[in-house]
Amino acid sequence: MEPHTLLGIIAVFACIASIALLIQAGFLIGIYKTTRGLEDDVRNVLPKVESLLETSRTAVEDGRRQMAEITAKTGDILETTRKQLARVDEVLEDAAARARIQLDRAEMVLDDTMNRAQETVALVHGGIMKPLREIQGVAAGIRTAFQFLMRGGRPNPSQATADEEMFI
């Protein structure tokens, strides 16, 4: 190749390289300006973000405090509930024991009443009914004696047979 041609080719490539460098320099200037604008925007937003961060920290701390209070109150409520349930259990056990005692007493009273009623019935049978039967027997004997004495003479054979059949 001729040196002149070679020199022309190198000059063309040097121009292309210069243009490429100028384009890159333009891009770098654009990136610089964009970065500056973005930095300004970040500086404007930064106080808002910091205040939001502080508010968030305060809200989280308040939430933690409230959760601690709620947890403590819930623990107190649960402890009180346990105590109350224990008392209710004791009261129910006491009521059940008293009810059993009262049922036992009522059963004893009922048994005693039944025994006394049976004794009273036995006394009535022995003290009243027996003498009444005896009096009835004596009255029947007296009645029969009067009938015998009132009738007079001998009994007729049909009546004697009836009397004998009665004793057989």
Protein backbone atom coordinates (compact mmCIF):
# COMPACT_ATOMS: atom_id res chain seq x y z
CA MET A 1 0.00 0.00 0.00
CA GLU A 2 1.08 3.37 -0.67
CA PRO A 3 2.01 5.57 2.15
CA HIS A 4 -0.26 8.28 1.00
CA THR A 5 -3.32 6.03 1.06
CA LEU A 6 -2.30 4.66 4.33
CA LEU A 7 -2.04 8.14 5.70
CA GLY A 8 -5.54 9.00 4.37
CA ILE A 9 -7.00 5.89 6.01
CA ILE A 10 -5.36 6.76 9.33
CA ALA A 11 -6.65 10.34 9.06
CA VAL A 12 -10.21 9.05 8.43
CA PHE A 13 -9.98 6.71 11.40
CA ALA A 14 -8.56 9.49 13.55
CA CYS A 15 -11.54 11.71 12.57
CA ILE A 16 -13.97 8.89 13.39
CA ALA A 17 -12.22 8.37 16.74
CA SER A 18 -12.39 12.15 17.42
CA ILE A 19 -16.10 12.21 16.62
CA ALA A 20 -16.65 9.19 18.89
CA LEU A 21 -14.77 10.94 21.69
CA LEU A 22 -16.86 14.10 21.18
CA ILE A 23 -20.07 12.03 21.34
CA GLN A 24 -18.83 10.35 24.50
CA ALA A 25 -17.96 13.75 25.98
CA GLY A 26 -21.52 14.94 25.17
CA PHE A 27 -22.98 11.88 26.85
CA LEU A 28 -20.78 12.45 29.90
CA ILE A 29 -21.93 16.10 30.07
CA GLY A 30 -25.56 14.91 29.84
CA ILE A 31 -24.98 12.34 32.58
CA TYR A 32 -23.33 15.03 34.70
CA LYS A 33 -26.28 17.40 34.30
CA THR A 34 -28.78 14.61 35.00
CA THR A 35 -26.82 13.60 38.10
CA ARG A 36 -26.78 17.20 39.29
CA GLY A 37 -30.56 17.47 38.78
CA LEU A 38 -31.10 14.17 40.55
CA GLU A 39 -28.86 15.32 43.39
CA ASP A 40 -30.94 18.49 43.76
CA ASP A 41 -34.15 16.43 43.79
CA VAL A 42 -32.69 14.11 46.42
CA ARG A 43 -31.66 17.12 48.52
CA ASN A 44 -35.24 18.45 48.29
CA VAL A 45 -36.76 15.05 49.21
CA LEU A 46 -34.21 14.20 51.94
CA PRO A 47 -35.81 16.36 54.71
CA LYS A 48 -39.20 14.80 53.97
CA VAL A 49 -37.71 11.31 54.13
CA GLU A 50 -35.92 12.14 57.38
CA SER A 51 -39.13 13.48 58.96
CA LEU A 52 -40.98 10.38 57.74
CA LEU A 53 -38.24 8.22 59.22
CA GLU A 54 -38.50 10.04 62.56
CA THR A 55 -42.29 9.75 62.54
CA SER A 56 -41.97 6.05 61.77
CA ARG A 57 -39.53 5.58 64.65
CA THR A 58 -41.90 7.41 67.00
CA ALA A 59 -44.85 5.33 65.80
CA VAL A 60 -42.88 2.10 66.25
CA GLU A 61 -41.82 3.13 69.77
CA ASP A 62 -45.41 4.07 70.67
CA GLY A 63 -46.58 0.76 69.23
CA ARG A 64 -44.01 -1.11 71.33
CA ARG A 65 -45.06 0.75 74.47
CA GLN A 66 -48.73 0.10 73.80
CA MET A 67 -48.05 -3.56 73.05
CA ALA A 68 -46.13 -3.83 76.33
CA GLU A 69 -49.06 -2.23 78.20
CA ILE A 70 -51.58 -4.47 76.45
CA THR A 71 -49.47 -7.53 77.21
CA ALA A 72 -49.19 -6.55 80.87
CA LYS A 73 -52.93 -5.87 81.14
CA THR A 74 -53.73 -9.12 79.37
CA GLY A 75 -51.50 -10.97 81.81
CA ASP A 76 -53.28 -9.29 84.73
CA ILE A 77 -56.68 -10.16 83.27
CA LEU A 78 -55.64 -13.77 82.75
CA GLU A 79 -54.32 -14.01 86.31
CA THR A 80 -57.54 -12.50 87.69
CA THR A 81 -59.57 -14.88 85.55
CA ARG A 82 -57.58 -17.85 86.86
CA LYS A 83 -58.18 -16.73 90.45
CA GLN A 84 -61.90 -16.19 89.82
CA LEU A 85 -62.23 -19.59 88.16
CA ALA A 86 -60.48 -21.19 91.13
CA ARG A 87 -62.94 -19.45 93.46
CA VAL A 88 -65.90 -20.52 91.33
CA ASP A 89 -64.59 -24.08 91.37
CA GLU A 90 -64.30 -23.96 95.17
CA VAL A 91 -67.84 -22.55 95.47
CA LEU A 92 -69.21 -25.27 93.18
CA GLU A 93 -67.40 -27.98 95.13
CA ASP A 94 -68.73 -26.53 98.39
CA ALA A 95 -72.26 -26.34 96.99
CA ALA A 96 -72.05 -29.92 95.74
CA ALA A 97 -70.81 -31.11 99.15
CA ARG A 98 -73.59 -29.23 100.93
CA ALA A 99 -76.16 -30.58 98.52
CA ARG A 100 -74.92 -34.12 99.20
CA ILE A 101 -75.15 -33.51 102.95
CA GLN A 102 -78.67 -32.11 102.62
CA LEU A 103 -79.73 -35.05 100.46
CA ASP A 104 -78.33 -37.45 103.06
CA ARG A 105 -80.23 -35.60 105.79
CA ALA A 106 -83.42 -35.63 103.75
CA GLU A 107 -83.01 -39.36 103.20
CA MET A 108 -82.50 -39.89 106.94
CA VAL A 109 -85.63 -37.83 107.71
CA LEU A 110 -87.62 -39.77 105.13
CA ASP A 111 -86.39 -43.11 106.51
CA ASP A 112 -87.25 -41.99 110.07
CA THR A 113 -90.71 -40.86 108.95
CA MET A 114 -91.33 -44.16 107.19
CA ASN A 115 -90.21 -46.11 110.29
CA ARG A 116 -92.49 -44.05 112.52
CA ALA A 117 -95.39 -44.53 110.13
CA GLN A 118 -94.80 -48.28 110.16
CA GLU A 119 -94.59 -48.27 113.96
CA THR A 120 -97.83 -46.26 114.12
CA VAL A 121 -99.59 -48.71 111.81
CA ALA A 122 -98.32 -51.61 113.92
CA LEU A 123 -99.57 -49.89 117.09
CA VAL A 124 -102.94 -49.23 115.48
CA HIS A 125 -103.22 -52.88 114.47
CA GLY A 126 -102.04 -54.11 117.85
CA GLY A 127 -103.70 -51.54 120.07
CA ILE A 128 -106.99 -50.81 118.31
CA MET A 129 -107.75 -53.51 115.78
CA LYS A 130 -107.00 -56.44 118.06
CA PRO A 131 -109.33 -55.22 120.84
CA LEU A 132 -111.97 -54.39 118.21
CA ARG A 133 -111.77 -57.97 116.89
CA GLU A 134 -111.96 -59.31 120.43
CA ILE A 135 -114.97 -57.11 121.17
CA GLN A 136 -116.54 -58.20 117.91
CA GLY A 137 -115.93 -61.86 118.85
CA VAL A 138 -117.42 -61.36 122.31
CA ALA A 139 -120.39 -59.51 120.77
CA ALA A 140 -120.90 -62.34 118.26
CA GLY A 141 -120.79 -64.85 121.16
CA ILE A 142 -123.29 -62.84 123.20
CA ARG A 143 -125.56 -62.45 120.16
CA THR A 144 -125.44 -66.17 119.53
CA ALA A 145 -126.12 -66.89 123.17
CA PHE A 146 -129.15 -64.57 123.13
CA GLN A 147 -130.38 -66.16 119.95
CA PHE A 148 -129.99 -69.58 121.51
CA LEU A 149 -131.73 -68.56 124.68
CA MET A 150 -134.51 -66.78 122.84
CA ARG A 151 -135.29 -69.55 120.55
CA GLY A 152 -136.34 -71.82 123.29
CA GLY A 153 -136.55 -75.59 122.86
CA ARG A 154 -134.64 -77.88 120.78
CA PRO A 155 -133.33 -76.90 117.47
CA ASN A 156 -134.82 -78.42 114.41
CA PRO A 157 -132.57 -80.88 112.57
CA SER A 158 -131.97 -78.66 109.52
CA GLN A 159 -130.70 -75.82 111.70
CA ALA A 160 -128.51 -78.16 113.77
CA THR A 161 -127.00 -79.51 110.58
CA ALA A 162 -126.34 -75.95 109.36
CA ASP A 163 -124.72 -75.10 112.69
CA GLU A 164 -122.51 -78.16 112.52
CA GLU A 165 -121.51 -77.45 108.94
CA MET A 166 -120.47 -74.02 109.95
CA PHE A 167 -117.85 -75.43 112.34
CA ILE A 168 -116.53 -78.11 109.97
